[in-house]
């Protein structure tokens, strides 16, 4: 016959397991926290990557967006059994760099640090020079260009 104590322990374990799984799912649906920093030479995205190893990580630069996916695994501890599986195993995060920033995507690097942070450095590239419209008075064919017509109409209005 099952004692009242055994029933209480079974119910308690079932509740803890359900709560832990819900916490893990919530963590998996929440984006990884990230800071975006800028220096004169590069952008630096710092992601929280707790409990991850470099083999757990996927990092990619898609356009101007740094995307990170972590598929981590739980360690097995001899002599212990899982009571509360509360940590999410699949975690995602992303940050988009400013639209007007010139970057060098092929020179980007990602480094996982012992303190549980992933640092993705994206060097800045050469800014494209502003192209100014030529203000020629006549095209090669001797016809007036649209810029000339606009200039003449502005002069006529004065």
Protein backbone atom coordinates (compact mmCIF):
# COMPACT_ATOMS: atom_id res chain seq x y z
CA UNK A 1 0.00 0.00 0.00
CA UNK A 2 1.26 3.48 -0.91
CA UNK A 3 1.82 5.80 1.99
CA UNK A 4 0.55 9.34 2.07
CA UNK A 5 4.15 10.53 2.02
CA UNK A 6 4.83 8.69 -1.28
CA UNK A 7 1.71 10.19 -2.87
CA UNK A 8 2.79 13.68 -1.78
CA UNK A 9 6.27 13.15 -3.21
CA UNK A 10 4.87 11.89 -6.52
CA UNK A 11 2.54 14.89 -6.82
CA UNK A 12 5.33 17.27 -5.85
CA UNK A 13 7.68 15.81 -8.49
CA UNK A 14 4.97 16.01 -11.17
CA UNK A 15 4.27 19.67 -10.33
CA UNK A 16 7.99 20.58 -10.33
CA UNK A 17 8.51 18.85 -13.67
CA UNK A 18 5.54 20.67 -15.24
CA UNK A 19 6.70 24.03 -13.88
CA UNK A 20 10.24 23.37 -15.06
CA UNK A 21 9.13 22.44 -18.58
CA UNK A 22 6.96 25.57 -18.77
CA UNK A 23 9.92 27.71 -17.64
CA UNK A 24 12.15 26.09 -20.27
CA UNK A 25 9.58 26.72 -23.04
CA UNK A 26 9.21 30.35 -21.93
CA UNK A 27 12.99 30.78 -22.04
CA UNK A 28 13.13 29.26 -25.52
CA UNK A 29 10.49 31.71 -26.79
CA UNK A 30 12.27 34.74 -25.32
CA UNK A 31 15.04 36.19 -27.53
CA UNK A 32 18.57 36.09 -26.15
CA UNK A 33 19.46 39.39 -24.46
CA UNK A 34 21.89 41.39 -26.59
CA UNK A 35 23.78 44.68 -26.40
CA UNK A 36 24.91 46.44 -29.58
CA UNK A 37 27.98 48.65 -29.22
CA UNK A 38 29.83 50.80 -31.75
CA UNK A 39 33.41 52.02 -32.01
CA UNK A 40 35.20 53.89 -34.79
CA UNK A 41 36.33 50.56 -36.29
CA UNK A 42 33.49 48.07 -35.67
CA UNK A 43 30.13 47.07 -34.25
CA UNK A 44 30.08 44.66 -31.33
CA UNK A 45 27.02 42.53 -30.51
CA UNK A 46 27.23 40.91 -27.05
CA UNK A 47 24.76 38.05 -26.50
CA UNK A 48 24.09 36.21 -23.24
CA UNK A 49 24.95 32.56 -23.95
CA UNK A 50 24.78 30.79 -20.59
CA UNK A 51 25.88 27.18 -20.48
CA UNK A 52 26.74 27.07 -24.18
CA UNK A 53 29.82 25.69 -25.86
CA UNK A 54 31.19 26.71 -29.25
CA UNK A 55 29.84 23.48 -30.77
CA UNK A 56 26.33 24.48 -29.57
CA UNK A 57 26.41 27.77 -31.52
CA UNK A 58 25.38 28.89 -34.95
CA UNK A 59 26.19 32.50 -35.82
CA UNK A 60 25.46 34.16 -39.13
CA UNK A 61 25.29 37.62 -40.62
CA UNK A 62 22.25 37.89 -42.85
CA UNK A 63 22.33 41.26 -44.56
CA UNK A 64 22.65 43.66 -41.62
CA UNK A 65 21.27 41.24 -39.03
CA UNK A 66 23.47 39.19 -36.68
CA UNK A 67 21.59 35.96 -35.93
CA UNK A 68 22.52 33.51 -33.17
CA UNK A 69 21.09 30.06 -32.42
CA UNK A 70 22.19 27.97 -29.46
CA UNK A 71 21.26 24.29 -29.22
CA UNK A 72 22.69 23.32 -25.86
CA UNK A 73 22.51 20.02 -24.04
CA UNK A 74 22.12 19.17 -20.40
CA UNK A 75 25.06 17.53 -18.71
CA UNK A 76 24.45 14.24 -16.92
CA UNK A 77 25.59 14.30 -13.31
CA UNK A 78 26.30 10.87 -11.92
CA UNK A 79 24.24 10.09 -8.84
CA UNK A 80 21.65 12.82 -9.57
CA UNK A 81 18.30 12.73 -11.31
CA UNK A 82 16.47 15.63 -12.94
CA UNK A 83 13.83 17.16 -10.70
CA UNK A 84 13.27 20.56 -12.34
CA UNK A 85 14.18 20.83 -16.07
CA UNK A 86 13.95 24.63 -16.14
CA UNK A 87 16.58 25.73 -18.66
CA UNK A 88 15.64 26.13 -22.31
CA UNK A 89 17.75 24.09 -24.68
CA UNK A 90 17.15 25.93 -27.98
CA UNK A 91 17.75 29.66 -27.74
CA UNK A 92 17.69 32.32 -30.46
CA UNK A 93 18.65 35.96 -30.69
CA UNK A 94 19.23 38.63 -33.31
CA UNK A 95 20.23 42.26 -33.63
CA UNK A 96 20.14 44.49 -36.71
CA UNK A 97 22.97 46.90 -37.42
CA UNK A 98 22.09 50.48 -38.43
CA UNK A 99 20.91 50.86 -42.03
CA UNK A 100 23.41 53.56 -42.94
CA UNK A 101 26.44 51.64 -41.67
CA UNK A 102 29.06 50.38 -44.11
CA UNK A 103 30.29 46.97 -42.91
CA UNK A 104 32.73 44.25 -43.93
CA UNK A 105 30.70 41.04 -43.43
CA UNK A 106 33.50 38.70 -44.54
CA UNK A 107 35.74 40.00 -41.72
CA UNK A 108 33.17 39.41 -38.94
CA UNK A 109 34.22 37.22 -36.00
CA UNK A 110 32.40 35.49 -33.13
CA UNK A 111 34.03 34.58 -29.81
CA UNK A 112 32.47 32.66 -26.92
CA UNK A 113 33.83 33.74 -23.54
CA UNK A 114 34.05 31.78 -20.28
CA UNK A 115 31.68 34.22 -18.58
CA UNK A 116 28.80 33.01 -20.79
CA UNK A 117 28.79 35.79 -23.37
CA UNK A 118 29.13 35.55 -27.13
CA UNK A 119 30.81 38.55 -28.78
CA UNK A 120 30.24 39.10 -32.49
CA UNK A 121 32.46 41.78 -34.03
CA UNK A 122 31.52 43.22 -37.42
CA UNK A 123 34.20 45.59 -38.78
CA UNK A 124 33.11 48.80 -40.42
CA UNK A 125 33.86 49.16 -44.11
CA UNK A 126 34.67 52.12 -46.25
CA UNK A 127 31.72 54.44 -46.57
CA UNK A 128 30.56 54.88 -50.12
CA UNK A 129 31.26 58.40 -51.35
CA UNK A 130 28.27 60.60 -52.02
CA UNK A 131 27.73 60.91 -55.74
CA UNK A 132 26.99 64.45 -56.82
CA UNK A 133 25.11 65.13 -60.03
CA UNK A 134 27.16 66.74 -62.77
CA UNK A 135 25.86 70.12 -63.76
CA UNK A 136 26.76 70.10 -67.42
CA UNK A 137 25.14 72.75 -69.57
CA UNK A 138 24.79 70.53 -72.63
CA UNK A 139 24.81 66.82 -73.18
CA UNK A 140 27.18 65.22 -75.68
CA UNK A 141 24.53 65.59 -78.40
CA UNK A 142 24.24 69.31 -77.84
CA UNK A 143 20.79 69.04 -76.22
CA UNK A 144 20.00 70.64 -72.89
CA UNK A 145 19.79 68.22 -69.97
CA UNK A 146 17.00 68.09 -67.40
CA UNK A 147 19.35 69.64 -64.84
CA UNK A 148 19.88 72.57 -67.19
CA UNK A 149 16.16 73.03 -67.71
CA UNK A 150 15.62 73.08 -63.93
CA UNK A 151 18.48 75.56 -63.49
CA UNK A 152 17.11 77.81 -66.23
CA UNK A 153 13.58 77.73 -64.79
CA UNK A 154 14.91 78.61 -61.35
CA UNK A 155 16.87 81.50 -62.87
CA UNK A 156 13.79 82.71 -64.79
CA UNK A 157 11.76 82.76 -61.57
CA UNK A 158 14.23 85.09 -59.88
